[in-house]
Amino acid sequence: MKMWRGMCAVVTAIILFVGTAAGETKIPEASLDWFESKGITLGEASVAYPFMTEDAPVEESLLKQINDRILEDGKVTEYVSRVSQLISGGSMNVSWRGTVLGQVFSFELLAEGAVETAKPSSVWRTGNIDLRDGSEIIWEDLFSDQDRVREVIEAYLEEEVAPELSAHLMNSQLIPLPDLFRVHERGLILFYPIDQLSTLSDRAGAVLIPWDRVAPYLNLEEGSPAEMMGLASRLPWQEDVPEESIAALKASIAAAVSAGTFPGIPAKLGDSMQDLTDEWHLLIDPDVYALGRFFSLEGAEFRNVFLMTDYLTEGWENSLVDGIRVDTGSLYGLTVGTTKRETWRKVLGEPDHVVEMDAEQAEAYRTVPGFRDYYVFGEHRLQLHADGEGVLQSLILAE
């Protein structure tokens, strides 16, 4: 069984502080490596869940508190009990995926199969844990204006997400908001019951809300979850980007591009298209563009993300990701739909190459007419596509 693991290739360095009798002790940057996969398999039923290892540099009492929180939020004991009931027949698989942002460990569990009865189903569980003290992070901890942020999210879901997803879902009631969520590099992910939102592959659905859409309502006070997760660095760039921030922003972007992946997108240049479609499932059939094919996958992390590959002349089992295009969200504040060309040039400098696209060329590339700035970092290129008004429309990573 495939174990889901996060692929956050670029994470802002954070130092944890845990109080001791002798004073404060510095602990190394939090990492997904602090967590391992544990579980049980009996017949065709299995449960896998995250567990903080004994090697993690935290006090024993805190380690136990964090692991107890994982077991509680993930309903792990219930799933293990269910496995024992299915030993005489029946299939169920529980797998997990996790992310570490600053001092927060966020995870999701997906149970599929005979979860509660013999009838196949698909059920989410989530958890968001403060690694400083093992406490649960709730919705109210993240936002300063609870009512307003819910209104903004509901409007976003109804006006932008629902029309886009309606053709690709079995059930598609995005309102009311579900109770389950988790934090992620790209945004807030909402997890729905299967009878409210389900995909064509018959899985319970999930939707990503990019951080830039809720940025004005984040509680960024010192010590708050949003502040310690580094979400201030995801705020959309304005024209007056502080001079003292420019070097750090450029370095973060250069590191991501050089690594061949965008933070929070579980795919990188050179990955197998077959492996990605096996794990994430196709949202729609691959679309043709000027240089090959676009792939759209089901997972919330892939919302408005297009994986670019060849024309599939030898089948996609032999095709690799040669480009990643992002039409929603941001890269360390470089934000689609908001950041202007003159602003990103202030931070990144003059581009290495510029291409102008007329209407015919834009149609071939499945975009809008405008300009594309190319920046080379290491062996890869960052392409920033702006419309005729100079507003960013796409972030593109290519070889």
Protein backbone atom coordinates (compact mmCIF):
# COMPACT_ATOMS: atom_id res chain seq x y z
CA MET A 1 0.00 0.00 0.00
CA LYS A 2 1.27 3.44 -0.83
CA MET A 3 1.96 5.56 2.21
CA TRP A 4 1.07 9.20 1.73
CA ARG A 5 3.86 11.53 2.69
CA GLY A 6 4.13 15.28 2.27
CA MET A 7 6.49 16.65 -0.37
CA CYS A 8 7.14 20.13 0.96
CA ALA A 9 10.57 20.54 -0.60
CA VAL A 10 11.09 24.08 0.57
CA VAL A 11 10.19 24.98 4.15
CA THR A 12 11.16 28.18 5.90
CA ALA A 13 13.72 27.49 8.63
CA ILE A 14 12.15 27.74 12.07
CA ILE A 15 13.67 27.27 15.51
CA LEU A 16 11.52 25.64 18.19
CA PHE A 17 11.90 26.56 21.84
CA VAL A 18 10.89 24.18 24.60
CA GLY A 19 11.08 25.37 28.19
CA THR A 20 13.07 23.30 30.65
CA ALA A 21 13.94 23.68 34.30
CA ALA A 22 17.29 25.11 33.30
CA GLY A 23 15.73 27.63 30.93
CA GLU A 24 14.96 27.58 27.22
CA THR A 25 16.55 24.94 25.03
CA LYS A 26 16.94 25.42 21.31
CA ILE A 27 15.61 22.58 19.19
CA PRO A 28 16.46 22.12 15.49
CA GLU A 29 14.07 23.09 12.73
CA ALA A 30 10.88 21.05 12.80
CA SER A 31 10.80 18.44 10.05
CA LEU A 32 8.50 15.83 8.57
CA ASP A 33 11.40 13.43 9.27
CA TRP A 34 10.35 13.61 12.93
CA PHE A 35 7.31 11.51 11.97
CA GLU A 36 7.17 7.92 10.81
CA SER A 37 4.39 5.72 9.53
CA LYS A 38 2.97 3.15 11.93
CA GLY A 39 0.05 0.82 11.52
CA ILE A 40 -1.42 -2.63 11.23
CA THR A 41 -2.34 -4.96 8.36
CA LEU A 42 -4.67 -7.94 8.66
CA GLY A 43 -5.81 -9.63 5.48
CA GLU A 44 -7.08 -6.99 3.07
CA ALA A 45 -7.51 -4.34 5.76
CA SER A 46 -4.79 -1.97 6.88
CA VAL A 47 -4.32 1.21 8.88
CA ALA A 48 -1.34 3.57 8.54
CA TYR A 49 -0.98 6.75 10.57
CA PRO A 50 1.73 9.27 11.51
CA PHE A 51 3.67 8.95 14.74
CA MET A 52 6.39 11.18 16.15
CA THR A 53 9.59 9.18 16.52
CA GLU A 54 11.62 8.89 19.69
CA ASP A 55 14.49 10.52 17.79
CA ALA A 56 12.56 13.81 17.55
CA PRO A 57 14.32 16.36 19.79
CA VAL A 58 11.42 17.02 22.14
CA GLU A 59 10.86 16.08 25.76
CA GLU A 60 9.33 12.67 26.39
CA SER A 61 6.15 14.11 27.89
CA LEU A 62 5.61 16.37 24.88
CA LEU A 63 6.28 13.54 22.45
CA LYS A 64 3.59 11.45 24.18
CA GLN A 65 1.16 14.35 24.14
CA ILE A 66 1.67 14.89 20.40
CA ASN A 67 1.23 11.20 19.61
CA ASP A 68 -1.87 10.98 21.78
CA ARG A 69 -3.27 13.96 19.89
CA ILE A 70 -2.61 12.22 16.55
CA LEU A 71 -4.40 9.09 17.73
CA GLU A 72 -7.37 11.10 18.98
CA ASP A 73 -7.77 13.44 15.99
CA GLY A 74 -7.25 10.62 13.51
CA LYS A 75 -9.70 8.26 15.27
CA VAL A 76 -6.91 5.70 14.91
CA THR A 77 -8.11 3.38 17.69
CA GLU A 78 -11.50 3.09 16.00
CA TYR A 79 -9.88 2.17 12.69
CA VAL A 80 -7.62 -0.44 14.31
CA SER A 81 -10.69 -1.97 15.95
CA ARG A 82 -12.44 -2.03 12.60
CA VAL A 83 -9.50 -3.91 11.04
CA SER A 84 -9.93 -6.70 13.60
CA GLN A 85 -13.62 -6.94 12.68
CA LEU A 86 -12.73 -7.35 9.00
CA ILE A 87 -10.24 -10.17 9.50
CA SER A 88 -12.83 -12.72 8.38
CA GLY A 89 -13.56 -10.75 5.22
CA GLY A 90 -13.74 -7.20 3.93
CA SER A 91 -11.35 -4.54 2.75
CA MET A 92 -10.41 -1.18 4.25
CA ASN A 93 -7.32 0.94 3.84
CA VAL A 94 -6.35 3.98 5.90
CA SER A 95 -3.45 6.09 4.64
CA TRP A 96 -2.07 9.47 5.63
CA ARG A 97 -0.35 12.58 4.35
CA GLY A 98 1.33 15.25 6.49
CA THR A 99 2.98 18.65 6.37
CA VAL A 100 5.20 20.56 8.77
CA LEU A 101 4.88 24.34 8.63
CA GLY A 102 7.04 26.16 11.13
CA GLN A 103 6.00 24.73 14.49
CA VAL A 104 2.79 23.07 13.26
CA PHE A 105 2.27 19.47 12.17
CA SER A 106 -0.83 19.09 10.03
CA PHE A 107 -2.11 15.77 8.71
CA GLU A 108 -4.98 14.05 6.98
CA LEU A 109 -6.12 10.43 7.10
CA LEU A 110 -8.22 8.90 4.34
CA ALA A 111 -10.14 5.72 5.12
CA GLU A 112 -11.48 3.84 2.08
CA GLY A 113 -13.51 0.66 1.83
CA ALA A 114 -15.70 -0.96 4.46
CA VAL A 115 -15.05 1.88 6.89
CA GLU A 116 -18.22 1.58 8.97
CA THR A 117 -20.36 -1.02 7.19
CA ALA A 118 -19.85 -3.49 4.34
CA LYS A 119 -20.84 -0.74 1.92
CA PRO A 120 -17.69 0.94 0.49
CA SER A 121 -17.15 4.50 1.60
CA SER A 122 -14.50 7.18 1.91
CA VAL A 123 -13.93 9.18 5.11
CA TRP A 124 -11.50 11.97 6.05
CA ARG A 125 -9.93 12.73 9.43
CA THR A 126 -7.59 15.66 10.04
CA GLY A 127 -5.40 17.16 12.74
CA ASN A 128 -3.42 20.38 13.25
CA ILE A 129 -0.97 20.22 16.16
CA ASP A 130 1.14 22.91 17.82
CA LEU A 131 4.52 21.20 18.26
CA ARG A 132 5.45 23.56 21.08
CA ASP A 133 2.94 22.11 23.50
CA GLY A 134 0.98 19.38 21.66
CA SER A 135 -2.27 21.35 21.64
CA GLU A 136 -4.86 21.30 18.88
CA ILE A 137 -5.03 24.29 16.53
CA ILE A 138 -8.61 25.21 15.73
CA TRP A 139 -10.21 27.53 13.17
CA GLU A 140 -10.52 30.37 15.69
CA ASP A 141 -6.75 30.28 16.30
CA LEU A 142 -6.01 31.11 12.67
CA PHE A 143 -8.28 34.04 11.92
CA SER A 144 -9.00 37.36 13.58
CA ASP A 145 -12.49 37.91 12.09
CA GLN A 146 -14.36 34.60 12.18
CA ASP A 147 -17.62 35.70 10.58
CA ARG A 148 -16.03 37.70 7.79
CA VAL A 149 -13.53 35.03 6.77
CA ARG A 150 -16.31 32.46 6.51
CA GLU A 151 -18.27 34.83 4.28
CA VAL A 152 -15.22 35.33 2.06
CA ILE A 153 -14.55 31.59 1.79
CA GLU A 154 -18.19 30.80 1.01
CA ALA A 155 -18.25 33.46 -1.72
CA TYR A 156 -15.01 32.08 -3.19
CA LEU A 157 -16.43 28.55 -3.22
CA GLU A 158 -19.73 29.56 -4.80
CA GLU A 159 -18.40 32.03 -7.35
CA GLU A 160 -15.13 30.43 -8.44
CA VAL A 161 -14.78 26.83 -7.29
CA ALA A 162 -18.30 25.46 -7.78
CA PRO A 163 -18.63 26.39 -11.48
CA GLU A 164 -15.20 24.96 -12.17
CA LEU A 165 -15.69 21.66 -10.33
CA SER A 166 -19.33 20.93 -11.14
CA ALA A 167 -18.45 18.86 -14.21
CA HIS A 168 -15.84 16.82 -12.33
CA LEU A 169 -17.72 15.80 -9.20
CA MET A 170 -20.50 13.35 -8.34
CA ASN A 171 -21.84 15.46 -5.46
CA SER A 172 -20.88 19.11 -5.32
CA GLN A 173 -22.43 20.96 -2.40
CA LEU A 174 -19.63 23.22 -1.20
CA ILE A 175 -21.81 25.06 1.31
CA PRO A 176 -22.07 24.72 4.29
CA LEU A 177 -18.37 24.62 5.12
CA PRO A 178 -17.23 21.27 6.51
CA ASP A 179 -15.89 20.88 10.04
CA LEU A 180 -12.58 19.31 8.97
CA PHE A 181 -9.64 21.31 7.69
CA ARG A 182 -5.87 21.34 7.70
CA VAL A 183 -3.16 23.86 6.99
CA HIS A 184 -0.91 23.43 3.98
CA GLU A 185 1.84 25.27 2.14
CA ARG A 186 -0.60 26.40 -0.54
CA GLY A 187 -3.53 27.25 1.68
CA LEU A 188 -6.31 25.99 3.89
CA ILE A 189 -7.72 22.62 2.77
CA LEU A 190 -11.37 21.85 3.57
CA PHE A 191 -12.37 18.16 3.78
CA TYR A 192 -15.97 17.15 3.02
CA PRO A 193 -18.19 14.17 3.84
CA ILE A 194 -18.62 11.97 0.76
CA ASP A 195 -22.35 12.62 0.58
CA GLN A 196 -21.67 16.36 0.30
CA LEU A 197 -18.67 16.39 -2.04
CA SER A 198 -17.27 13.44 -3.95
CA THR A 199 -15.02 13.02 -6.98
CA LEU A 200 -15.56 10.99 -10.11
CA SER A 201 -13.26 8.35 -8.62
CA ASP A 202 -15.82 8.08 -5.80
CA ARG A 203 -13.68 9.60 -3.07
CA ALA A 204 -14.70 12.14 -0.49
CA GLY A 205 -13.76 15.56 -1.84
CA ALA A 206 -11.48 18.31 -0.59
CA VAL A 207 -10.98 21.92 -1.69
CA LEU A 208 -8.01 24.25 -1.33
CA ILE A 209 -8.49 27.88 -0.27
CA PRO A 210 -5.26 29.72 -1.25
CA TRP A 211 -3.71 31.75 1.57
CA ASP A 212 -3.87 34.95 -0.46
CA ARG A 213 -7.70 34.71 -0.49
CA VAL A 214 -7.89 34.86 3.31
CA ALA A 215 -4.73 36.88 3.99
CA PRO A 216 -6.51 40.00 5.35
CA TYR A 217 -8.17 37.91 8.08
CA LEU A 218 -5.19 35.90 9.33
CA ASN A 219 -4.20 36.44 12.94
CA LEU A 220 -0.51 37.25 12.55
CA GLU A 221 0.13 38.38 16.11
CA GLU A 222 3.45 37.27 17.56
CA GLY A 223 3.27 33.65 18.67
CA SER A 224 0.02 32.94 16.83
CA PRO A 225 -0.21 29.77 14.69
CA ALA A 226 -0.29 31.76 11.45
CA GLU A 227 2.75 33.79 12.50
CA MET A 228 4.81 30.76 13.54
CA MET A 229 3.87 28.96 10.31
CA GLY A 230 5.47 31.81 8.37
CA LEU A 231 2.24 32.77 6.60
CA ALA A 232 3.29 36.42 6.55
CA SER A 233 5.70 35.41 3.78
CA ARG A 234 2.69 34.22 1.73
CA LEU A 235 0.96 37.61 1.74
CA PRO A 236 0.58 39.07 -1.77
CA TRP A 237 3.34 41.45 -2.81
CA GLN A 238 2.38 45.08 -3.02
CA GLU A 239 4.22 47.78 -4.94
CA ASP A 240 6.14 48.82 -1.83
CA VAL A 241 7.95 45.52 -1.14
CA PRO A 242 10.40 46.44 1.66
CA GLU A 243 13.99 46.61 0.48
CA GLU A 244 15.11 44.52 3.46
CA SER A 245 12.80 41.66 2.36
CA ILE A 246 13.86 41.48 -1.27
CA ALA A 247 17.01 39.37 -0.86
CA ALA A 248 15.23 36.77 1.29
CA LEU A 249 12.24 36.54 -1.07
CA LYS A 250 14.46 36.09 -4.10
CA ALA A 251 16.54 33.45 -2.32
CA SER A 252 13.42 31.46 -1.35
CA ILE A 253 12.09 31.56 -4.92
CA ALA A 254 15.50 30.64 -6.37
CA ALA A 255 15.74 27.65 -4.01
CA ALA A 256 12.29 26.37 -4.98
CA VAL A 257 12.90 26.71 -8.71
CA SER A 258 16.35 25.14 -8.47
CA ALA A 259 14.83 22.17 -6.63
CA GLY A 260 12.37 21.66 -9.50
CA THR A 261 9.19 22.05 -7.49
CA PHE A 262 6.81 24.65 -6.10
CA PRO A 263 6.22 24.50 -2.31
CA GLY A 264 3.14 22.48 -1.45
CA ILE A 265 2.73 20.82 -4.85
CA PRO A 266 3.47 17.08 -4.53
CA ALA A 267 5.12 16.79 -7.94
CA LYS A 268 8.47 17.89 -9.31
CA LEU A 269 10.19 18.11 -12.65
CA GLY A 270 11.20 14.67 -13.87
CA ASP A 271 8.51 12.76 -11.95
CA SER A 272 6.69 9.90 -13.67
CA MET A 273 3.26 10.85 -14.99
CA GLN A 274 2.12 7.27 -14.48
CA ASP A 275 3.05 7.31 -10.79
CA LEU A 276 1.32 10.66 -10.24
CA THR A 277 -1.90 9.61 -11.95
CA ASP A 278 -1.92 6.29 -10.07
CA GLU A 279 -1.73 8.11 -6.74
CA TRP A 280 -3.78 11.23 -7.40
CA HIS A 281 -6.20 10.21 -10.19
CA LEU A 282 -7.06 12.28 -13.26
CA LEU A 283 -9.54 15.11 -12.84
CA ILE A 284 -10.14 15.37 -16.59
CA ASP A 285 -8.55 13.87 -19.68
CA PRO A 286 -5.17 15.42 -20.56
CA ASP A 287 -5.55 18.57 -22.65
CA VAL A 288 -3.38 19.52 -25.63
CA TYR A 289 -1.26 22.68 -25.65
CA ALA A 290 1.48 23.97 -27.94
CA LEU A 291 4.29 21.77 -26.59
CA GLY A 292 2.45 18.67 -25.43
CA ARG A 293 -0.22 17.79 -22.86
CA PHE A 294 -1.60 19.31 -19.65
CA PHE A 295 -2.57 16.95 -16.81
CA SER A 296 -5.08 17.99 -14.12
CA LEU A 297 -5.22 15.78 -11.02
CA GLU A 298 -7.91 15.34 -8.37
CA GLY A 299 -6.16 16.26 -5.13
CA ALA A 300 -6.91 19.61 -3.50
CA GLU A 301 -3.20 20.44 -3.65
CA PHE A 302 -3.48 20.34 -7.45
CA ARG A 303 -6.29 22.88 -7.76
CA ASN A 304 -5.52 25.00 -10.84
CA VAL A 305 -2.17 23.24 -11.17
CA PHE A 306 -1.33 21.76 -14.55
CA LEU A 307 1.44 19.20 -15.05
CA MET A 308 3.03 19.57 -18.45
CA THR A 309 4.47 16.68 -20.43
CA ASP A 310 5.03 15.49 -24.02
CA TYR A 311 2.36 14.50 -26.55
CA LEU A 312 2.11 10.98 -25.05
CA THR A 313 3.17 9.40 -28.32
CA GLU A 314 4.61 6.46 -26.35
CA GLY A 315 1.92 6.48 -23.64
CA TRP A 316 2.03 8.42 -20.40
CA GLU A 317 3.59 5.45 -18.59
CA ASN A 318 6.78 6.61 -20.32
CA SER A 319 6.18 10.34 -19.89
CA LEU A 320 7.76 12.65 -17.31
CA VAL A 321 6.77 16.00 -15.84
CA ASP A 322 8.66 18.63 -17.83
CA GLY A 323 6.71 21.62 -16.55
CA ILE A 324 4.40 22.74 -13.73
CA ARG A 325 1.95 25.59 -14.25
CA VAL A 326 0.08 27.22 -11.35
CA ASP A 327 -2.94 29.45 -12.05
CA THR A 328 -4.03 30.00 -8.41
CA GLY A 329 -2.17 31.00 -5.27
CA SER A 330 1.31 32.31 -4.73
CA LEU A 331 5.01 31.56 -4.49
CA TYR A 332 6.29 33.31 -1.35
CA GLY A 333 3.90 36.20 -2.00
CA LEU A 334 4.35 36.29 -5.79
CA THR A 335 0.59 35.99 -6.31
CA VAL A 336 -1.51 35.04 -9.33
CA GLY A 337 -4.15 37.64 -10.09
CA THR A 338 -2.54 40.28 -7.88
CA THR A 339 1.20 40.83 -8.37
CA LYS A 340 2.14 43.24 -11.14
CA ARG A 341 5.04 42.93 -13.53
CA GLU A 342 6.88 45.97 -12.24
CA THR A 343 6.65 44.60 -8.70
CA TRP A 344 8.15 41.20 -9.44
CA ARG A 345 10.91 42.84 -11.47
CA LYS A 346 11.74 44.94 -8.42
CA VAL A 347 12.29 41.74 -6.44
CA LEU A 348 13.68 39.37 -9.07
CA GLY A 349 15.41 41.90 -11.29
CA GLU A 350 15.27 42.09 -15.05
CA PRO A 351 14.31 38.76 -16.66
CA ASP A 352 16.77 36.67 -18.63
CA HIS A 353 14.33 36.52 -21.52
CA VAL A 354 10.94 38.01 -22.48
CA VAL A 355 8.32 36.68 -24.90
CA GLU A 356 5.22 38.54 -26.08
CA MET A 357 2.16 36.40 -26.90
CA ASP A 358 -0.58 37.51 -29.22
CA ALA A 359 -4.08 36.02 -29.21
CA GLU A 360 -3.19 33.11 -31.52
CA GLN A 361 -0.08 32.14 -29.53
CA ALA A 362 -1.94 32.51 -26.26
CA GLU A 363 -4.65 30.15 -27.47
CA ALA A 364 -2.02 27.56 -28.39
CA TYR A 365 -0.60 27.77 -24.87
CA ARG A 366 -4.05 27.82 -23.22
CA THR A 367 -3.54 31.25 -21.69
CA VAL A 368 -4.33 34.92 -22.29
CA PRO A 369 -2.45 37.36 -24.53
CA GLY A 370 0.34 39.21 -22.76
CA PHE A 371 3.98 38.90 -21.79
CA ARG A 372 6.08 36.11 -20.31
CA ASP A 373 9.22 36.87 -18.28
CA TYR A 374 11.81 34.08 -17.97
CA TYR A 375 14.17 33.75 -14.98
CA VAL A 376 16.86 31.06 -14.82
CA PHE A 377 17.73 29.55 -11.44
CA GLY A 378 20.12 26.62 -11.53
CA GLU A 379 19.05 24.19 -14.24
CA HIS A 380 15.42 25.32 -14.29
CA ARG A 381 13.39 28.30 -15.46
CA LEU A 382 10.66 30.27 -13.77
CA GLN A 383 8.22 31.75 -16.28
CA LEU A 384 5.89 34.52 -15.14
CA HIS A 385 2.99 35.13 -17.51
CA ALA A 386 1.23 38.49 -17.30
CA ASP A 387 -1.89 39.66 -19.11
CA GLY A 388 -2.04 42.86 -21.15
CA GLU A 389 -2.40 44.90 -17.97
CA GLY A 390 0.78 43.43 -16.53
CA VAL A 391 -0.95 41.33 -13.84
CA LEU A 392 0.41 37.85 -13.10
CA GLN A 393 -1.75 35.06 -14.56
CA SER A 394 0.46 31.98 -14.24
CA LEU A 395 3.57 30.72 -12.48
CA ILE A 396 5.37 28.19 -14.67
CA LEU A 397 8.31 25.99 -13.71
CA ALA A 398 10.16 24.29 -16.57
CA GLU A 399 13.47 22.70 -17.44
